[in-house]
C-alpha cells in the first residue's frame, strides 16, 4: 500500500528540521522583422524534427569536460512558459517568425524550453545535483541535457513559484523515484505548496493513489524567506514580485543570484544581492517589460543598480534573437563596463561555491 509522505518545514540554517503532519527598446534591432511566406513546408518540418533531438550548440561550454572537483551551473531551460519555437508561428501561413524559424535548426540557441537551472557541486559521495524548478517541458529538457552531461540523480528540487512552467514537471520525477532513487525532496514556500495540493494532489497526498500505481515519490519541505541548507549548500531566498501581488522567489547560493521570474525587486531584497558575482536575471523581450516580467531595458536598469561582475539573462521569448541581441549587449562592455549576455539552453558555467 502506498503511504503518504511526511511534510517538512525548513527553518533558518541554525535551527533543526521540524516535522509536521500533513495539514487537513534601447537597441537598433528592436524593430519589426520582415514578413515573408514560407513555401517549403516539408523542409521546415524536417528541421523541426531534427531540432527536437539536437538543441545544443557546438562550441562554447556545451558538451565541454568539467573536472569532477569543479562546481558548475547548467541552464536546463531559458525560455518562456510556451517555449520556443511557438507552434503558432511555425503554422502561420501569412508570415514567418525569424526567431522561431531559426529555433527549428539543430544547434540553434534560440530553441528554448522552460526556465530551469541545475546547480552541481562535488561531495564525497559524488556530484550533488540540485534543480531549480521543474516546469511542464522538464522531461524534454532532461532528455536532452541529462545524458549529455552525465546527470543521473536529482538530489533536490527548489521551487521559485507555482506557475505551470515551474512545477508542471513534478509528475515526470516518477522516472527518478521509480528507477533511480527512492524519493526527491521538494523545497517550496507554503503559498506554492497550497497550489500544489490542488494541481498535484495525488503527489502531495499519496493515500489518494491506487495501490501499485507508479507516481513520483516527493518529500515536500516548506521554506520561509530565510536562508536554508540543502545538502550542505546554503540557499538564501530573494523575494520578488512576479506581477502585482504575486510573490516569487529567486535564490542566492554562494555569490550567484538567480531571479527567473520578476516584474519588480522590493527594496528589502537589494541588500541580499550585494557582492553578486554572477546574476541570472529575467529578461522577457527586447523592447519593454510586461506586467509580470522584466523586459531587457528594465533588466539592464537592475544590472546597473546591482552591479554584478557578470549577468546572464534568462526567460526570453521569441522576440529575442540570441545572436542579434548579444551583438548589441557586448557593446555595453566597452561603453559601461557591463558584462551582460543572453544565456541559452545547455549553457554550462564553472563556478565557485
Protein backbone atom coordinates (compact mmCIF):
# COMPACT_ATOMS: atom_id res chain seq x y z
CA UNK A 1 0.00 0.00 0.00
CA UNK A 2 1.26 3.46 -0.87
CA UNK A 3 1.68 5.56 2.24
CA UNK A 4 1.57 9.38 2.49
CA UNK A 5 4.93 11.13 2.66
CA UNK A 6 5.91 13.43 5.50
CA UNK A 7 5.75 17.19 5.10
CA UNK A 8 8.73 19.09 6.43
CA UNK A 9 9.15 22.75 7.29
CA UNK A 10 12.54 24.30 6.64
CA UNK A 11 13.70 26.57 9.41
CA UNK A 12 16.64 29.06 9.29
CA UNK A 13 20.07 27.50 8.87
CA UNK A 14 20.86 27.48 12.57
CA UNK A 15 17.65 25.68 13.52
CA UNK A 16 16.78 21.95 13.24
CA UNK A 17 14.14 20.50 10.97
CA UNK A 18 10.60 20.40 12.30
CA UNK A 19 8.40 17.59 11.01
CA UNK A 20 4.70 18.27 10.90
CA UNK A 21 1.88 16.04 9.84
CA UNK A 22 0.22 16.98 6.59
CA UNK A 23 -2.39 19.70 7.21
CA UNK A 24 -6.11 18.81 6.66
CA UNK A 25 13.79 49.45 -26.78
CA UNK A 26 17.32 50.62 -26.31
CA UNK A 27 18.79 48.67 -29.25
CA UNK A 28 18.60 49.05 -33.01
CA UNK A 29 17.34 45.51 -33.53
CA UNK A 30 14.08 46.33 -31.69
CA UNK A 31 12.05 46.62 -34.86
CA UNK A 32 9.58 44.51 -36.75
CA UNK A 33 11.12 41.72 -38.71
CA UNK A 34 10.50 41.38 -42.46
CA UNK A 35 7.49 39.27 -43.26
CA UNK A 36 7.71 36.51 -45.81
CA UNK A 37 5.72 33.42 -46.70
CA UNK A 38 7.35 30.02 -46.26
CA UNK A 39 6.80 27.86 -49.35
CA UNK A 40 8.75 24.81 -48.26
CA UNK A 41 6.68 23.23 -45.51
CA UNK A 42 8.37 19.85 -45.80
CA UNK A 43 11.87 21.22 -45.26
CA UNK A 44 10.64 23.21 -42.27
CA UNK A 45 9.09 20.07 -40.81
CA UNK A 46 12.37 18.20 -41.25
CA UNK A 47 14.22 20.96 -39.39
CA UNK A 48 11.70 20.83 -36.55
CA UNK A 49 12.06 17.07 -36.18
CA UNK A 50 15.86 17.32 -36.23
CA UNK A 51 15.88 20.15 -33.71
CA UNK A 52 13.77 18.11 -31.31
CA UNK A 53 16.76 15.81 -30.92
CA UNK A 54 19.59 18.33 -31.29
CA UNK A 55 19.16 21.63 -29.46
CA UNK A 56 22.68 22.22 -28.22
CA UNK A 57 25.25 24.47 -29.79
CA UNK A 58 28.63 23.21 -30.85
CA UNK A 59 31.36 25.08 -29.10
CA UNK A 60 31.17 27.45 -26.13
CA UNK A 61 30.67 25.40 -22.99
CA UNK A 62 28.07 22.97 -24.31
CA UNK A 63 29.44 19.45 -24.02
CA UNK A 64 32.73 20.66 -22.55
CA UNK A 65 34.50 18.50 -20.00
CA UNK A 66 34.45 19.72 -16.40
CA UNK A 67 36.65 18.40 -13.62
CA UNK A 68 34.93 16.13 -11.10
CA UNK A 69 36.02 18.60 -8.41
CA UNK A 70 34.52 21.61 -10.24
CA UNK A 71 31.18 23.13 -9.23
CA UNK A 72 29.02 24.37 -12.07
CA UNK A 73 25.63 25.63 -13.11
CA UNK A 74 23.81 24.28 -16.16
CA UNK A 75 20.95 26.12 -17.83
CA UNK A 76 18.37 23.37 -18.29
CA UNK A 77 15.97 25.87 -19.87
CA UNK A 78 15.97 29.59 -20.67
CA UNK A 79 12.61 30.22 -22.35
CA UNK A 80 9.07 31.27 -21.59
CA UNK A 81 6.15 29.12 -20.50
CA UNK A 82 5.15 28.33 -24.08
CA UNK A 83 8.71 27.65 -25.22
CA UNK A 84 10.44 28.50 -28.49
CA UNK A 85 9.68 27.81 -31.29
CA UNK A 86 6.00 28.58 -30.99
CA UNK A 87 3.65 26.24 -32.82
CA UNK A 88 1.51 29.24 -33.81
CA UNK A 89 4.48 30.82 -35.56
CA UNK A 90 5.52 27.67 -37.41
CA UNK A 91 1.98 27.08 -38.71
CA UNK A 92 1.23 30.69 -39.71
CA UNK A 93 0.66 30.72 -43.49
CA UNK A 94 0.89 34.50 -43.77
CA UNK A 95 4.23 35.35 -42.20
CA UNK A 96 7.45 33.83 -40.97
CA UNK A 97 8.77 34.42 -37.47
CA UNK A 98 12.55 34.75 -37.84
CA UNK A 99 13.44 33.57 -34.33
CA UNK A 100 11.05 30.61 -34.28
CA UNK A 101 12.25 29.58 -37.73
CA UNK A 102 15.86 29.67 -36.56
CA UNK A 103 14.89 27.68 -33.47
CA UNK A 104 13.92 24.72 -35.67
CA UNK A 105 17.53 24.40 -36.84
CA UNK A 106 19.66 21.82 -34.97
CA UNK A 107 22.04 23.54 -32.56
CA UNK A 108 20.36 26.94 -32.72
CA UNK A 109 20.49 28.87 -29.44
CA UNK A 110 17.05 30.36 -29.97
CA UNK A 111 15.49 27.00 -29.12
CA UNK A 112 14.36 27.48 -25.52
CA UNK A 113 12.30 25.47 -23.05
CA UNK A 114 11.00 26.45 -19.59
CA UNK A 115 13.46 28.29 -17.35
CA UNK A 116 15.33 25.94 -15.05
CA UNK A 117 18.81 25.77 -13.57
CA UNK A 118 20.86 22.85 -12.30
CA UNK A 119 23.39 23.51 -9.54
CA UNK A 120 26.12 20.82 -9.42
CA UNK A 121 28.85 20.55 -6.83
CA UNK A 122 31.15 17.78 -5.60
CA UNK A 123 30.59 15.80 -2.43
CA UNK A 124 32.49 12.78 -1.09
CA UNK A 125 29.73 10.53 -2.45
CA UNK A 126 29.86 12.14 -5.91
CA UNK A 127 28.29 15.12 -7.69
CA UNK A 128 25.24 16.64 -5.99
CA UNK A 129 22.52 17.85 -8.39
CA UNK A 130 20.06 20.49 -7.18
CA UNK A 131 17.41 21.56 -9.66
CA UNK A 132 15.67 24.92 -9.54
CA UNK A 133 12.17 24.45 -10.99
CA UNK A 134 10.74 21.56 -13.00
CA UNK A 135 8.30 23.03 -15.49
CA UNK A 136 5.96 21.44 -18.00
CA UNK A 137 8.80 20.89 -20.52
CA UNK A 138 11.14 19.38 -17.92
CA UNK A 139 11.08 15.89 -19.45
CA UNK A 140 12.24 17.23 -22.82
CA UNK A 141 14.97 19.32 -21.22
CA UNK A 142 16.17 16.40 -19.12
CA UNK A 143 16.11 14.11 -22.13
CA UNK A 144 18.45 16.49 -23.92
CA UNK A 145 20.85 17.56 -21.17
CA UNK A 146 20.99 14.84 -18.54
CA UNK A 147 22.62 12.24 -20.83
CA UNK A 148 24.83 14.93 -22.38
CA UNK A 149 26.30 15.93 -19.03
CA UNK A 150 26.13 12.58 -17.24
CA UNK A 151 23.42 13.70 -14.80
CA UNK A 152 21.58 10.78 -13.21
CA UNK A 153 20.25 11.74 -9.79
CA UNK A 154 18.15 14.71 -8.69
CA UNK A 155 19.12 15.37 -5.09
CA UNK A 156 16.57 18.15 -4.55
CA UNK A 157 14.23 20.49 -6.41
CA UNK A 158 13.78 24.09 -5.26
CA UNK A 159 10.66 25.90 -6.47
CA UNK A 160 10.57 29.60 -7.35
CA UNK A 161 6.79 29.85 -7.73
CA UNK A 162 3.78 27.71 -8.58
CA UNK A 163 3.08 28.50 -12.23
CA UNK A 164 3.00 25.61 -14.69
CA UNK A 165 6.40 26.47 -16.16
CA UNK A 166 7.94 25.94 -12.70
CA UNK A 167 6.01 22.94 -11.30
CA UNK A 168 4.38 21.28 -14.32
CA UNK A 169 7.12 18.65 -14.50
CA UNK A 170 6.80 17.32 -10.95
CA UNK A 171 4.91 14.32 -12.26
CA UNK A 172 7.86 13.46 -14.53
CA UNK A 173 10.02 12.90 -11.47
CA UNK A 174 8.39 9.44 -11.26
CA UNK A 175 11.12 8.18 -13.61
CA UNK A 176 13.71 9.05 -10.98
CA UNK A 177 11.80 7.83 -7.92
CA UNK A 178 10.78 4.59 -9.65
CA UNK A 179 14.13 3.78 -11.26
CA UNK A 180 16.98 5.85 -9.81
CA UNK A 181 16.33 6.89 -6.22
CA UNK A 182 13.69 6.40 -3.50
CA UNK A 183 12.36 9.96 -3.45
CA UNK A 184 13.04 13.60 -4.34
CA UNK A 185 12.85 16.45 -1.77
CA UNK A 186 10.87 19.48 -2.98
CA UNK A 187 11.65 22.80 -1.28
CA UNK A 188 8.80 25.25 -1.65
CA UNK A 189 7.09 28.19 0.00
CA UNK A 190 3.84 27.49 1.84
CA UNK A 191 1.78 29.55 -0.64
CA UNK A 192 3.09 27.45 -3.53
CA UNK A 193 2.56 24.22 -1.62
CA UNK A 194 -1.09 25.20 -1.23
CA UNK A 195 -1.31 25.41 -5.02
CA UNK A 196 0.38 22.03 -5.43
CA UNK A 197 -2.17 20.47 -3.09
CA UNK A 198 -4.70 21.25 -5.85
CA UNK A 199 -2.68 20.83 -9.03
CA UNK A 200 -0.71 17.78 -7.85
CA UNK A 201 -2.98 16.48 -5.09
CA UNK A 202 -2.02 12.86 -5.80
CA UNK A 203 1.66 13.67 -5.24
CA UNK A 204 1.00 15.54 -2.00
CA UNK A 205 -1.40 13.01 -0.53
CA UNK A 206 -0.34 9.64 -1.88
CA UNK A 207 -3.13 7.91 0.04
CA UNK A 208 -5.29 9.01 -2.88
CA UNK A 209 -3.24 6.87 -5.26
CA UNK A 210 -4.40 3.41 -6.31
CA UNK A 211 -2.03 0.89 -4.71
CA UNK A 212 0.66 -0.14 -7.15
CA UNK A 213 0.38 3.00 -9.29
CA UNK A 214 3.78 4.48 -10.11
CA UNK A 215 3.70 8.18 -9.21
CA UNK A 216 6.50 10.48 -8.11
CA UNK A 217 7.59 9.95 -4.51
CA UNK A 218 8.16 13.50 -3.29
CA UNK A 219 9.07 14.87 0.14
CA UNK A 220 7.70 18.40 0.47
CA UNK A 221 9.72 20.73 2.68
CA UNK A 222 8.32 24.18 3.44
CA UNK A 223 10.78 27.07 3.31
CA UNK A 224 10.47 30.57 4.71
CA UNK A 225 12.04 33.72 3.29
CA UNK A 226 15.17 32.96 5.30
CA UNK A 227 18.39 31.06 4.43
CA UNK A 228 18.15 27.27 4.40
CA UNK A 229 20.53 24.40 3.74
CA UNK A 230 20.25 21.77 1.01
CA UNK A 231 22.99 19.13 1.01
CA UNK A 232 25.40 21.42 2.86
CA UNK A 233 24.86 24.32 0.44
CA UNK A 234 23.14 27.44 1.75
CA UNK A 235 20.35 28.99 -0.31
CA UNK A 236 19.06 32.47 0.51
CA UNK A 237 15.57 33.30 -0.85
CA UNK A 238 15.37 36.51 -2.88
CA UNK A 239 11.73 37.68 -2.69
CA UNK A 240 10.48 39.47 -5.81
CA UNK A 241 7.15 40.41 -7.36
CA UNK A 242 6.06 38.42 -10.42
CA UNK A 243 3.14 40.65 -11.30
CA UNK A 244 1.08 42.77 -8.94
CA UNK A 245 0.55 40.97 -5.65
CA UNK A 246 2.16 37.70 -6.77
CA UNK A 247 5.25 36.68 -4.83
CA UNK A 248 8.02 34.67 -6.45
CA UNK A 249 11.42 33.68 -5.12
CA UNK A 250 14.86 33.99 -6.56
CA UNK A 251 17.74 32.30 -4.77
CA UNK A 252 21.30 33.16 -3.85
CA UNK A 253 23.82 30.37 -3.42
CA UNK A 254 27.41 31.38 -2.90
CA UNK A 255 27.87 34.60 -4.87
CA UNK A 256 25.42 33.57 -7.58
CA UNK A 257 21.96 35.17 -7.66
CA UNK A 258 19.16 33.60 -9.69
CA UNK A 259 15.95 35.55 -10.40
CA UNK A 260 13.99 33.93 -13.21
CA UNK A 261 10.52 35.48 -12.88
CA UNK A 262 10.23 39.10 -11.77
CA UNK A 263 8.48 42.34 -12.58
CA UNK A 264 9.81 44.24 -9.55
CA UNK A 265 12.51 43.78 -6.92
CA UNK A 266 11.46 45.02 -3.46
CA UNK A 267 13.88 47.37 -1.70
CA UNK A 268 14.38 44.83 1.09
CA UNK A 269 15.80 42.35 -1.40
CA UNK A 270 18.62 44.54 -2.75
CA UNK A 271 20.90 44.08 0.29
CA UNK A 272 20.77 40.33 -0.37
CA UNK A 273 22.21 40.97 -3.85
CA UNK A 274 25.37 42.76 -2.70
CA UNK A 275 28.71 41.48 -3.99
CA UNK A 276 26.97 39.27 -6.53
CA UNK A 277 29.46 37.75 -8.97
CA UNK A 278 27.00 36.11 -11.37
CA UNK A 279 23.47 37.45 -11.73
CA UNK A 280 20.94 35.39 -13.68
CA UNK A 281 18.01 37.66 -14.38
CA UNK A 282 14.63 37.62 -16.09
CA UNK A 283 14.50 39.46 -19.46
CA UNK A 284 11.41 38.59 -21.48
CA UNK A 285 11.56 40.82 -24.56
CA UNK A 286 13.87 43.42 -26.15
CA UNK A 287 11.68 46.50 -26.09
CA UNK A 288 9.62 46.71 -22.90
CA UNK A 289 8.52 44.92 -19.75
CA UNK A 290 5.23 43.07 -19.36
CA UNK A 291 3.00 43.10 -16.30
CA UNK A 292 4.81 40.01 -14.96
CA UNK A 293 8.34 40.06 -16.40
CA UNK A 294 11.26 42.42 -16.84
CA UNK A 295 11.93 43.45 -20.39
CA UNK A 296 15.53 44.00 -21.45
CA UNK A 297 15.58 47.78 -20.76
CA UNK A 298 14.32 47.28 -17.19
CA UNK A 299 16.59 44.30 -16.65
CA UNK A 300 19.58 46.43 -17.66
CA UNK A 301 18.49 49.10 -15.18
CA UNK A 302 18.56 46.44 -12.47
CA UNK A 303 22.02 45.30 -13.57
CA UNK A 304 23.32 48.87 -13.30
CA UNK A 305 21.86 49.08 -9.79
CA UNK A 306 23.04 45.66 -8.55
CA UNK A 307 26.45 45.83 -10.30
CA UNK A 308 27.29 42.12 -10.56
CA UNK A 309 30.53 41.06 -12.18
CA UNK A 310 28.64 39.12 -14.85
CA UNK A 311 24.99 38.88 -15.89
CA UNK A 312 23.24 36.16 -17.88
CA UNK A 313 19.65 36.86 -18.89
CA UNK A 314 17.03 34.11 -18.97
CA UNK A 315 13.31 33.65 -19.68
CA UNK A 316 13.46 35.05 -23.23
CA UNK A 317 10.52 34.99 -25.64
CA UNK A 318 10.63 34.69 -29.42
CA UNK A 319 11.29 38.39 -29.98
CA UNK A 320 14.78 37.89 -28.51
CA UNK A 321 17.12 36.75 -31.28
CA UNK A 322 20.10 35.25 -29.45
CA UNK A 323 22.88 36.40 -31.75
CA UNK A 324 21.41 39.80 -32.62
CA UNK A 325 20.70 40.75 -29.02
CA UNK A 326 24.10 39.57 -27.82
CA UNK A 327 25.82 41.59 -30.55
CA UNK A 328 24.29 44.70 -29.04
CA UNK A 329 24.79 43.68 -25.43
CA UNK A 330 28.50 43.11 -25.90
CA UNK A 331 28.86 46.79 -26.77
CA UNK A 332 27.89 47.64 -23.19
CA UNK A 333 31.14 46.05 -22.04
CA UNK A 334 33.09 48.84 -23.74
CA UNK A 335 30.68 51.69 -23.09
CA UNK A 336 29.66 50.93 -19.48
CA UNK A 337 31.79 48.03 -18.33
CA UNK A 338 28.73 45.76 -18.14
CA UNK A 339 29.36 42.07 -18.81
CA UNK A 340 25.86 41.07 -19.95
CA UNK A 341 24.73 38.34 -22.34
CA UNK A 342 21.75 36.11 -23.05
CA UNK A 343 22.05 32.57 -21.73
CA UNK A 344 20.85 29.56 -23.72
CA UNK A 345 19.63 26.03 -23.08
CA UNK A 346 22.56 23.77 -22.25
CA UNK A 347 24.95 26.54 -21.25
CA UNK A 348 27.44 25.19 -18.71
CA UNK A 349 29.26 27.64 -16.45
CA UNK A 350 32.00 26.61 -13.98
CA UNK A 351 31.51 28.37 -10.65
CA UNK A 352 32.93 28.54 -7.14
CA UNK A 353 30.53 27.67 -4.32
